[in-house]
């Protein structure tokens, strides 16, 4: 009798077994949703990081290209060669021009105007293994590259100077060009959009300084670069 009571007491102290409990479908869907949100956030962060790095790299490359372009133009202009009196005198023969004249003009390129600059300089760049030096005719001109983008190119020819023609082999100073501005300044600081050192309207003189401004197309916003070059030699207005 006593043993039966103890047996019943032990049985009563044992908890009844619980059935195995799994995840409900709703809990699984919530977990998947949270996991998807986390993955989306991570991928978005990586995309933003890589996109930012790409923009920075492109901006750095554009900055270096523009600086190299302006440096090349400064070297060319600071090595300018011009005719000075008494060797120089205005040409009296029709269609005859000073060999070392400076001409800044505007050229229409598919409805947009860009400057074109011609002058002579001692900063000739030899190509193809040639080491010949001399006074080079240098021409900066613009060619269209694509939609609202252009190339700034540099022609370089030693004497005898051929009639100017745009060549595919002319070096590119700057690409992704959006706009180019060249301004000329006389001895009084007066600004001009054009110049012709072989013209009576300019007193057969050369400018004292030239300002160049580049605008490059970029992913985020246009990049602006500007420099002013004071010419080391110049020809005063004929009185």
C-alpha atoms as a PDB file:
ATOM      1  CA  UNK A   1       0.000   0.000   0.000  1.00  0.00           C
ATOM      2  CA  UNK A   2       2.754   2.364   0.995  1.00  0.00           C
ATOM      3  CA  UNK A   3       4.733   1.447  -2.123  1.00  0.00           C
ATOM      4  CA  UNK A   4       1.774   2.201  -4.364  1.00  0.00           C
ATOM      5  CA  UNK A   5       1.361   5.652  -2.805  1.00  0.00           C
ATOM      6  CA  UNK A   6       5.051   6.425  -3.359  1.00  0.00           C
ATOM      7  CA  UNK A   7       4.770   5.289  -6.953  1.00  0.00           C
ATOM      8  CA  UNK A   8       1.742   7.511  -7.541  1.00  0.00           C
ATOM      9  CA  UNK A   9       3.550  10.451  -5.846  1.00  0.00           C
ATOM     10  CA  UNK A  10       6.610  10.045  -8.109  1.00  0.00           C
ATOM     11  CA  UNK A  11       4.444   9.873 -11.177  1.00  0.00           C
ATOM     12  CA  UNK A  12       2.670  13.042 -10.169  1.00  0.00           C
ATOM     13  CA  UNK A  13       5.995  14.863  -9.782  1.00  0.00           C
ATOM     14  CA  UNK A  14       7.027  14.035 -13.343  1.00  0.00           C
ATOM     15  CA  UNK A  15       6.016  16.791 -15.828  1.00  0.00           C
ATOM     16  CA  UNK A  16       4.000  15.636 -18.737  1.00  0.00           C
ATOM     17  CA  UNK A  17       6.009  15.651 -21.976  1.00  0.00           C
ATOM     18  CA  UNK A  18       5.629  18.738 -24.255  1.00  0.00           C
ATOM     19  CA  UNK A  19       5.103  18.216 -27.928  1.00  0.00           C
ATOM     20  CA  UNK A  20       8.035  19.392 -30.257  1.00  0.00           C
ATOM     21  CA  UNK A  21       7.415  23.013 -31.348  1.00  0.00           C
ATOM     22  CA  UNK A  22       8.752  24.403 -34.725  1.00  0.00           C
ATOM     23  CA  UNK A  23       8.638  27.804 -36.511  1.00  0.00           C
ATOM     24  CA  UNK A  24       5.415  28.996 -37.928  1.00  0.00           C
ATOM     25  CA  UNK A  25       5.197  30.118 -41.568  1.00  0.00           C
ATOM     26  CA  UNK A  26       4.705  33.722 -40.443  1.00  0.00           C
ATOM     27  CA  UNK A  27       7.892  33.642 -38.360  1.00  0.00           C
ATOM     28  CA  UNK A  28       9.850  32.231 -41.291  1.00  0.00           C
ATOM     29  CA  UNK A  29       8.535  34.943 -43.637  1.00  0.00           C
ATOM     30  CA  UNK A  30       9.419  37.680 -41.136  1.00  0.00           C
ATOM     31  CA  UNK A  31      12.954  36.298 -40.795  1.00  0.00           C
ATOM     32  CA  UNK A  32      13.387  36.168 -44.580  1.00  0.00           C
ATOM     33  CA  UNK A  33      12.117  39.744 -44.877  1.00  0.00           C
ATOM     34  CA  UNK A  34      14.561  41.014 -42.234  1.00  0.00           C
ATOM     35  CA  UNK A  35      17.430  39.145 -43.925  1.00  0.00           C
ATOM     36  CA  UNK A  36      16.499  40.665 -47.307  1.00  0.00           C
ATOM     37  CA  UNK A  37      16.440  44.182 -45.830  1.00  0.00           C
ATOM     38  CA  UNK A  38      19.895  43.647 -44.313  1.00  0.00           C
ATOM     39  CA  UNK A  39      21.319  42.357 -47.606  1.00  0.00           C
ATOM     40  CA  UNK A  40      19.778  45.256 -49.549  1.00  0.00           C
ATOM     41  CA  UNK A  41      21.321  47.767 -47.156  1.00  0.00           C
ATOM     42  CA  UNK A  42      24.735  46.116 -47.431  1.00  0.00           C
ATOM     43  CA  UNK A  43      24.674  46.027 -51.248  1.00  0.00           C
ATOM     44  CA  UNK A  44      23.463  49.626 -51.412  1.00  0.00           C
ATOM     45  CA  UNK A  45      26.364  50.692 -49.193  1.00  0.00           C
ATOM     46  CA  UNK A  46      28.869  48.873 -51.411  1.00  0.00           C
ATOM     47  CA  UNK A  47      27.377  50.366 -54.583  1.00  0.00           C
ATOM     48  CA  UNK A  48      27.537  53.867 -53.104  1.00  0.00           C
ATOM     49  CA  UNK A  49      31.142  53.279 -52.064  1.00  0.00           C
ATOM     50  CA  UNK A  50      32.236  51.988 -55.481  1.00  0.00           C
ATOM     51  CA  UNK A  51      30.289  54.694 -57.302  1.00  0.00           C
ATOM     52  CA  UNK A  52      31.898  57.355 -55.119  1.00  0.00           C
ATOM     53  CA  UNK A  53      35.366  55.938 -55.803  1.00  0.00           C
ATOM     54  CA  UNK A  54      34.683  55.916 -59.552  1.00  0.00           C
ATOM     55  CA  UNK A  55      33.547  59.549 -59.457  1.00  0.00           C
ATOM     56  CA  UNK A  56      36.629  60.550 -57.451  1.00  0.00           C
ATOM     57  CA  UNK A  57      38.941  58.716 -59.864  1.00  0.00           C
ATOM     58  CA  UNK A  58      37.296  60.346 -62.894  1.00  0.00           C
ATOM     59  CA  UNK A  59      37.504  63.765 -61.255  1.00  0.00           C
ATOM     60  CA  UNK A  60      41.186  63.233 -60.463  1.00  0.00           C
ATOM     61  CA  UNK A  61      41.923  62.136 -64.046  1.00  0.00           C
ATOM     62  CA  UNK A  62      40.063  65.166 -65.452  1.00  0.00           C
ATOM     63  CA  UNK A  63      41.907  67.487 -63.075  1.00  0.00           C
ATOM     64  CA  UNK A  64      45.307  66.103 -64.099  1.00  0.00           C
ATOM     65  CA  UNK A  65      44.412  66.278 -67.805  1.00  0.00           C
ATOM     66  CA  UNK A  66      43.295  69.916 -67.537  1.00  0.00           C
ATOM     67  CA  UNK A  67      46.398  70.880 -65.569  1.00  0.00           C
ATOM     68  CA  UNK A  68      48.656  69.199 -68.140  1.00  0.00           C
ATOM     69  CA  UNK A  69      46.771  70.933 -70.941  1.00  0.00           C
ATOM     70  CA  UNK A  70      47.119  74.390 -69.411  1.00  0.00           C
ATOM     71  CA  UNK A  71      50.776  73.739 -68.552  1.00  0.00           C
ATOM     72  CA  UNK A  72      51.497  72.832 -72.190  1.00  0.00           C
ATOM     73  CA  UNK A  73      49.753  75.973 -73.428  1.00  0.00           C
ATOM     74  CA  UNK A  74      51.649  78.121 -70.929  1.00  0.00           C
ATOM     75  CA  UNK A  75      54.985  76.651 -72.056  1.00  0.00           C
ATOM     76  CA  UNK A  76      54.109  77.286 -75.703  1.00  0.00           C
ATOM     77  CA  UNK A  77      53.026  80.883 -75.100  1.00  0.00           C
ATOM     78  CA  UNK A  78      55.933  81.703 -72.783  1.00  0.00           C
ATOM     79  CA  UNK A  79      58.265  80.579 -75.596  1.00  0.00           C
ATOM     80  CA  UNK A  80      56.473  82.698 -78.208  1.00  0.00           C
ATOM     81  CA  UNK A  81      58.444  84.110 -81.123  1.00  0.00           C
ATOM     82  CA  UNK A  82      57.365  87.336 -82.812  1.00  0.00           C
ATOM     83  CA  UNK A  83      58.843  89.795 -85.307  1.00  0.00           C
ATOM     84  CA  UNK A  84      59.991  93.053 -83.723  1.00  0.00           C
ATOM     85  CA  UNK A  85      60.900  96.392 -85.348  1.00  0.00           C
ATOM     86  CA  UNK A  86      62.958  97.295 -87.269  1.00  0.00           C
ATOM     87  CA  UNK A  87      62.828  93.816 -88.818  1.00  0.00           C
ATOM     88  CA  UNK A  88      59.051  93.882 -88.749  1.00  0.00           C
ATOM     89  CA  UNK A  89      56.992  96.130 -90.973  1.00  0.00           C
ATOM     90  CA  UNK A  90      53.341  95.813 -92.028  1.00  0.00           C
ATOM     91  CA  UNK A  91      52.853  93.821 -95.179  1.00  0.00           C
ATOM     92  CA  UNK A  92      52.006  95.938 -98.217  1.00  0.00           C
ATOM     93  CA  UNK A  93      51.421  93.111-100.673  1.00  0.00           C
ATOM     94  CA  UNK A  94      47.878  91.779-100.855  1.00  0.00           C
ATOM     95  CA  UNK A  95      47.340  88.392 -99.194  1.00  0.00           C
ATOM     96  CA  UNK A  96      50.825  88.573 -97.678  1.00  0.00           C
ATOM     97  CA  UNK A  97      51.216  87.996 -93.949  1.00  0.00           C
ATOM     98  CA  UNK A  98      53.890  88.201 -91.310  1.00  0.00           C
ATOM     99  CA  UNK A  99      55.442  84.750 -90.931  1.00  0.00           C
ATOM    100  CA  UNK A 100      55.354  85.020 -87.134  1.00  0.00           C
ATOM    101  CA  UNK A 101      51.947  86.618 -86.731  1.00  0.00           C
ATOM    102  CA  UNK A 102      49.482  85.805 -83.954  1.00  0.00           C
ATOM    103  CA  UNK A 103      45.879  85.232 -84.983  1.00  0.00           C
ATOM    104  CA  UNK A 104      43.045  84.482 -82.603  1.00  0.00           C
ATOM    105  CA  UNK A 105      39.694  83.829 -84.257  1.00  0.00           C
ATOM    106  CA  UNK A 106      36.353  82.141 -83.643  1.00  0.00           C
ATOM    107  CA  UNK A 107      35.336  79.037 -85.596  1.00  0.00           C
ATOM    108  CA  UNK A 108      31.836  77.610 -85.946  1.00  0.00           C
ATOM    109  CA  UNK A 109      31.571  73.902 -85.085  1.00  0.00           C
ATOM    110  CA  UNK A 110      28.074  72.600 -85.734  1.00  0.00           C
ATOM    111  CA  UNK A 111      26.385  75.729 -84.460  1.00  0.00           C
ATOM    112  CA  UNK A 112      28.769  76.472 -81.591  1.00  0.00           C
ATOM    113  CA  UNK A 113      31.692  78.890 -81.659  1.00  0.00           C
ATOM    114  CA  UNK A 114      35.116  77.931 -80.354  1.00  0.00           C
ATOM    115  CA  UNK A 115      38.401  79.861 -80.405  1.00  0.00           C
ATOM    116  CA  UNK A 116      41.280  78.952 -82.677  1.00  0.00           C
ATOM    117  CA  UNK A 117      44.728  80.367 -81.951  1.00  0.00           C
ATOM    118  CA  UNK A 118      47.736  80.485 -84.257  1.00  0.00           C
ATOM    119  CA  UNK A 119      51.227  81.728 -83.270  1.00  0.00           C
ATOM    120  CA  UNK A 120      54.887  80.730 -83.533  1.00  0.00           C
ATOM    121  CA  UNK A 121      56.980  79.402 -80.679  1.00  0.00           C
ATOM    122  CA  UNK A 122      60.347  77.903 -79.808  1.00  0.00           C
ATOM    123  CA  UNK A 123      58.671  75.047 -77.924  1.00  0.00           C
ATOM    124  CA  UNK A 124      58.536  72.655 -80.865  1.00  0.00           C
ATOM    125  CA  UNK A 125      57.821  69.032 -79.912  1.00  0.00           C
ATOM    126  CA  UNK A 126      59.579  66.495 -82.115  1.00  0.00           C
ATOM    127  CA  UNK A 127      57.840  63.221 -82.980  1.00  0.00           C
ATOM    128  CA  UNK A 128      58.975  60.028 -84.625  1.00  0.00           C
ATOM    129  CA  UNK A 129      62.513  60.188 -83.255  1.00  0.00           C
ATOM    130  CA  UNK A 130      63.302  63.486 -84.953  1.00  0.00           C
ATOM    131  CA  UNK A 131      65.454  65.930 -82.987  1.00  0.00           C
ATOM    132  CA  UNK A 132      65.194  68.931 -85.313  1.00  0.00           C
ATOM    133  CA  UNK A 133      64.600  72.217 -83.505  1.00  0.00           C
ATOM    134  CA  UNK A 134      63.358  75.544 -84.760  1.00  0.00           C
ATOM    135  CA  UNK A 135      60.535  78.050 -84.669  1.00  0.00           C
ATOM    136  CA  UNK A 136      57.302  76.095 -84.847  1.00  0.00           C
ATOM    137  CA  UNK A 137      53.893  77.192 -86.005  1.00  0.00           C
ATOM    138  CA  UNK A 138      51.474  76.129 -83.269  1.00  0.00           C
ATOM    139  CA  UNK A 139      47.721  76.035 -83.726  1.00  0.00           C
ATOM    140  CA  UNK A 140      45.182  75.235 -81.024  1.00  0.00           C
ATOM    141  CA  UNK A 141      41.867  74.134 -82.451  1.00  0.00           C
ATOM    142  CA  UNK A 142      38.738  72.262 -81.388  1.00  0.00           C
ATOM    143  CA  UNK A 143      37.119  69.182 -82.934  1.00  0.00           C
ATOM    144  CA  UNK A 144      33.769  67.644 -82.056  1.00  0.00           C
ATOM    145  CA  UNK A 145      33.955  64.384 -80.080  1.00  0.00           C
ATOM    146  CA  UNK A 146      30.330  63.555 -79.284  1.00  0.00           C
ATOM    147  CA  UNK A 147      27.141  65.051 -77.895  1.00  0.00           C
ATOM    148  CA  UNK A 148      28.167  68.392 -76.389  1.00  0.00           C
ATOM    149  CA  UNK A 149      31.741  67.161 -75.977  1.00  0.00           C
ATOM    150  CA  UNK A 150      34.803  68.288 -77.900  1.00  0.00           C
ATOM    151  CA  UNK A 151      38.552  67.750 -78.239  1.00  0.00           C
ATOM    152  CA  UNK A 152      41.204  70.451 -77.925  1.00  0.00           C
ATOM    153  CA  UNK A 153      44.080  69.608 -80.271  1.00  0.00           C
ATOM    154  CA  UNK A 154      47.541  71.059 -80.944  1.00  0.00           C
ATOM    155  CA  UNK A 155      49.157  71.268 -84.381  1.00  0.00           C
ATOM    156  CA  UNK A 156      52.939  71.769 -84.483  1.00  0.00           C
ATOM    157  CA  UNK A 157      54.867  72.362 -87.747  1.00  0.00           C
ATOM    158  CA  UNK A 158      58.362  73.638 -88.440  1.00  0.00           C
ATOM    159  CA  UNK A 159      59.159  76.057 -91.276  1.00  0.00           C
ATOM    160  CA  UNK A 160      58.197  76.089 -94.088  1.00  0.00           C
ATOM    161  CA  UNK A 161      54.742  76.307 -92.582  1.00  0.00           C
ATOM    162  CA  UNK A 162      52.138  74.441 -94.649  1.00  0.00           C
ATOM    163  CA  UNK A 163      48.588  75.654 -95.107  1.00  0.00           C
ATOM    164  CA  UNK A 164      46.822  74.643 -91.937  1.00  0.00           C
ATOM    165  CA  UNK A 165      44.780  71.449 -92.064  1.00  0.00           C
ATOM    166  CA  UNK A 166      43.264  69.494 -89.202  1.00  0.00           C
ATOM    167  CA  UNK A 167      45.008  66.129 -88.953  1.00  0.00           C
ATOM    168  CA  UNK A 168      43.968  62.963 -87.185  1.00  0.00           C
ATOM    169  CA  UNK A 169      47.523  62.604 -85.887  1.00  0.00           C
ATOM    170  CA  UNK A 170      47.593  65.999 -84.116  1.00  0.00           C
ATOM    171  CA  UNK A 171      47.972  65.434 -80.360  1.00  0.00           C
ATOM    172  CA  UNK A 172      44.926  65.873 -78.124  1.00  0.00           C
ATOM    173  CA  UNK A 173      45.588  68.352 -75.326  1.00  0.00           C
ATOM    174  CA  UNK A 174      42.236  67.880 -73.661  1.00  0.00           C
ATOM    175  CA  UNK A 175      39.162  65.694 -74.168  1.00  0.00           C
ATOM    176  CA  UNK A 176      35.624  65.875 -72.766  1.00  0.00           C
ATOM    177  CA  UNK A 177      35.806  69.604 -73.481  1.00  0.00           C
ATOM    178  CA  UNK A 178      32.516  71.392 -72.844  1.00  0.00           C
ATOM    179  CA  UNK A 179      33.636  74.961 -73.549  1.00  0.00           C
ATOM    180  CA  UNK A 180      36.823  76.917 -74.243  1.00  0.00           C
ATOM    181  CA  UNK A 181      37.365  80.641 -73.797  1.00  0.00           C
ATOM    182  CA  UNK A 182      40.427  82.635 -74.925  1.00  0.00           C
ATOM    183  CA  UNK A 183      40.696  86.360 -74.158  1.00  0.00           C
ATOM    184  CA  UNK A 184      43.400  88.775 -75.318  1.00  0.00           C
ATOM    185  CA  UNK A 185      44.587  91.894 -73.458  1.00  0.00           C
ATOM    186  CA  UNK A 186      46.415  94.931 -74.808  1.00  0.00           C
ATOM    187  CA  UNK A 187      48.814  97.250 -72.949  1.00  0.00           C
ATOM    188  CA  UNK A 188      45.862  99.045 -71.321  1.00  0.00           C
ATOM    189  CA  UNK A 189      44.251  95.844 -70.091  1.00  0.00           C
ATOM    190  CA  UNK A 190      41.417  96.069 -72.617  1.00  0.00           C
ATOM    191  CA  UNK A 191      39.899  92.653 -73.309  1.00  0.00           C
ATOM    192  CA  UNK A 192      39.334  91.267 -76.814  1.00  0.00           C
ATOM    193  CA  UNK A 193      37.686  88.111 -78.104  1.00  0.00           C
ATOM    194  CA  UNK A 194      39.758  88.179 -81.303  1.00  0.00           C
ATOM    195  CA  UNK A 195      43.252  89.258 -82.280  1.00  0.00           C
ATOM    196  CA  UNK A 196      45.318  89.709 -85.424  1.00  0.00           C
ATOM    197  CA  UNK A 197      48.846  91.051 -85.028  1.00  0.00           C
ATOM    198  CA  UNK A 198      49.018  91.661 -88.757  1.00  0.00           C
ATOM    199  CA  UNK A 199      45.946  93.927 -88.861  1.00  0.00           C
ATOM    200  CA  UNK A 200      45.742  97.720 -88.757  1.00  0.00           C
ATOM    201  CA  UNK A 201      42.753  97.506 -86.370  1.00  0.00           C
ATOM    202  CA  UNK A 202      45.149  96.208 -83.682  1.00  0.00           C
ATOM    203  CA  UNK A 203      47.936  98.615 -84.610  1.00  0.00           C
ATOM    204  CA  UNK A 204      50.004  95.669 -85.871  1.00  0.00           C
ATOM    205  CA  UNK A 205      50.685  94.815 -82.234  1.00  0.00           C
ATOM    206  CA  UNK A 206      50.662  91.599 -80.235  1.00  0.00           C
ATOM    207  CA  UNK A 207      48.720  91.141 -76.993  1.00  0.00           C
ATOM    208  CA  UNK A 208      50.400  91.608 -73.645  1.00  0.00           C
ATOM    209  CA  UNK A 209      48.543  88.726 -71.976  1.00  0.00           C
ATOM    210  CA  UNK A 210      46.192  85.877 -72.799  1.00  0.00           C
ATOM    211  CA  UNK A 211      43.603  84.281 -70.505  1.00  0.00           C
ATOM    212  CA  UNK A 212      42.467  80.712 -71.121  1.00  0.00           C
ATOM    213  CA  UNK A 213      39.491  79.017 -69.488  1.00  0.00           C
ATOM    214  CA  UNK A 214      38.553  75.347 -69.907  1.00  0.00           C
ATOM    215  CA  UNK A 215      35.279  73.716 -68.944  1.00  0.00           C
ATOM    216  CA  UNK A 216      35.263  69.923 -68.870  1.00  0.00           C
ATOM    217  CA  UNK A 217      32.215  67.663 -68.823  1.00  0.00           C
ATOM    218  CA  UNK A 218      32.007  65.500 -65.699  1.00  0.00           C
ATOM    219  CA  UNK A 219      29.694  62.902 -64.132  1.00  0.00           C
ATOM    220  CA  UNK A 220      28.540  65.170 -61.323  1.00  0.00           C
ATOM    221  CA  UNK A 221      29.103  68.732 -62.548  1.00  0.00           C
ATOM    222  CA  UNK A 222      31.308  70.610 -65.051  1.00  0.00           C
ATOM    223  CA  UNK A 223      34.895  71.285 -63.985  1.00  0.00           C
ATOM    224  CA  UNK A 224      36.355  74.753 -64.592  1.00  0.00           C
ATOM    225  CA  UNK A 225      40.052  75.581 -65.034  1.00  0.00           C
ATOM    226  CA  UNK A 226      41.621  78.948 -65.839  1.00  0.00           C
ATOM    227  CA  UNK A 227      45.029  80.524 -66.288  1.00  0.00           C
ATOM    228  CA  UNK A 228      46.522  83.843 -67.398  1.00  0.00           C
ATOM    229  CA  UNK A 229      49.749  84.003 -69.419  1.00  0.00           C
ATOM    230  CA  UNK A 230      51.760  87.212 -69.611  1.00  0.00           C
ATOM    231  CA  UNK A 231      53.742  87.116 -72.840  1.00  0.00           C
ATOM    232  CA  UNK A 232      57.498  87.589 -72.327  1.00  0.00           C
ATOM    233  CA  UNK A 233      57.828  89.567 -75.580  1.00  0.00           C
ATOM    234  CA  UNK A 234      55.347  91.749 -77.401  1.00  0.00           C
ATOM    235  CA  UNK A 235      55.122  94.249 -80.246  1.00  0.00           C
ATOM    236  CA  UNK A 236      53.713  97.655 -79.419  1.00  0.00           C
ATOM    237  CA  UNK A 237      51.076  99.390 -81.495  1.00  0.00           C
ATOM    238  CA  UNK A 238      52.372 101.168 -84.549  1.00  0.00           C
ATOM    239  CA  UNK A 239      51.973 104.921 -84.121  1.00  0.00           C
END
